[in-house]
Amino acid sequence: MKKEMHPEMKLVTVKCTCGAEHKFYSTKENIKIDLCSSCHPFFRGDASSMILDTEGRVQKFRNKYGDNY
């Protein structure tokens, strides 16, 4: 294998907008993310802020194609 072919992997701290910090290996120096497992509603179990199927997409599909699709 050729030397210096792959970039060097470094242990970096990834910072989220909520203030949480996670450590990952990456080739980049500074990484900032919008959502992480600490602030995402799915991982927190906050069902009130999760998006639900309120438009009835499943029912629209069944009306258009039937139940035996």
Protein backbone atom coordinates (compact mmCIF):
# COMPACT_ATOMS: atom_id res chain seq x y z
CA MET A 1 0.00 0.00 0.00
CA LYS A 2 1.27 3.47 -0.85
CA LYS A 3 2.30 5.68 2.02
CA GLU A 4 0.55 9.02 2.55
CA MET A 5 -2.33 7.94 0.33
CA HIS A 6 -5.05 8.26 2.97
CA PRO A 7 -5.62 11.38 5.07
CA GLU A 8 -4.72 11.23 8.74
CA MET A 9 -7.59 10.42 11.12
CA LYS A 10 -7.72 12.51 14.29
CA LEU A 11 -9.84 12.38 17.43
CA VAL A 12 -11.98 15.52 17.22
CA THR A 13 -14.74 16.99 19.35
CA VAL A 14 -18.05 17.44 17.53
CA LYS A 15 -20.12 20.30 18.97
CA CYS A 16 -23.91 20.45 18.71
CA THR A 17 -26.02 23.60 18.86
CA CYS A 18 -27.59 22.34 22.10
CA GLY A 19 -24.16 22.43 23.77
CA ALA A 20 -23.44 18.70 23.81
CA GLU A 21 -20.00 17.52 22.76
CA HIS A 22 -19.17 14.13 21.27
CA LYS A 23 -15.79 12.68 20.33
CA PHE A 24 -15.30 11.05 16.92
CA TYR A 25 -12.47 10.21 14.58
CA SER A 26 -12.44 12.38 11.48
CA THR A 27 -10.16 14.00 8.93
CA LYS A 28 -11.64 17.44 9.61
CA GLU A 29 -10.59 19.67 12.49
CA ASN A 30 -13.79 21.44 13.57
CA ILE A 31 -17.22 19.88 13.16
CA LYS A 32 -20.48 21.54 14.19
CA ILE A 33 -23.86 19.82 13.90
CA ASP A 34 -27.47 20.96 14.30
CA LEU A 35 -28.96 17.86 15.94
CA CYS A 36 -27.52 15.08 18.05
CA SER A 37 -28.85 12.22 20.13
CA SER A 38 -29.09 14.53 23.15
CA CYS A 39 -31.44 17.08 21.56
CA HIS A 40 -33.30 15.16 18.82
CA PRO A 41 -36.96 14.49 19.80
CA PHE A 42 -36.83 10.85 18.61
CA PHE A 43 -34.00 9.95 20.98
CA ARG A 44 -35.41 12.03 23.86
CA GLY A 45 -38.83 10.38 23.61
CA ASP A 46 -40.63 13.71 23.37
CA ALA A 47 -43.70 12.61 21.41
CA SER A 48 -45.32 16.04 21.47
CA SER A 49 -42.72 17.53 19.13
CA MET A 50 -42.53 14.58 16.74
CA ILE A 51 -44.08 14.94 13.29
CA LEU A 52 -47.17 12.79 12.81
CA ASP A 53 -49.14 11.84 9.70
CA THR A 54 -51.88 14.44 10.08
CA GLU A 55 -52.52 14.82 6.37
CA GLY A 56 -53.85 11.27 5.99
CA ARG A 57 -51.29 10.13 3.43
CA VAL A 58 -51.91 6.47 4.19
CA GLN A 59 -55.63 6.88 3.69
CA LYS A 60 -55.06 8.80 0.42
CA PHE A 61 -52.88 5.94 -0.84
CA ARG A 62 -55.50 3.34 0.11
CA ASN A 63 -58.25 5.34 -1.59
CA LYS A 64 -56.20 5.67 -4.77
CA TYR A 65 -54.74 2.13 -5.03
CA GLY A 66 -56.97 0.04 -2.76
CA ASP A 67 -56.02 -2.28 0.09
CA ASN A 68 -54.66 -5.08 -2.09
CA TYR A 69 -51.81 -3.11 -3.66
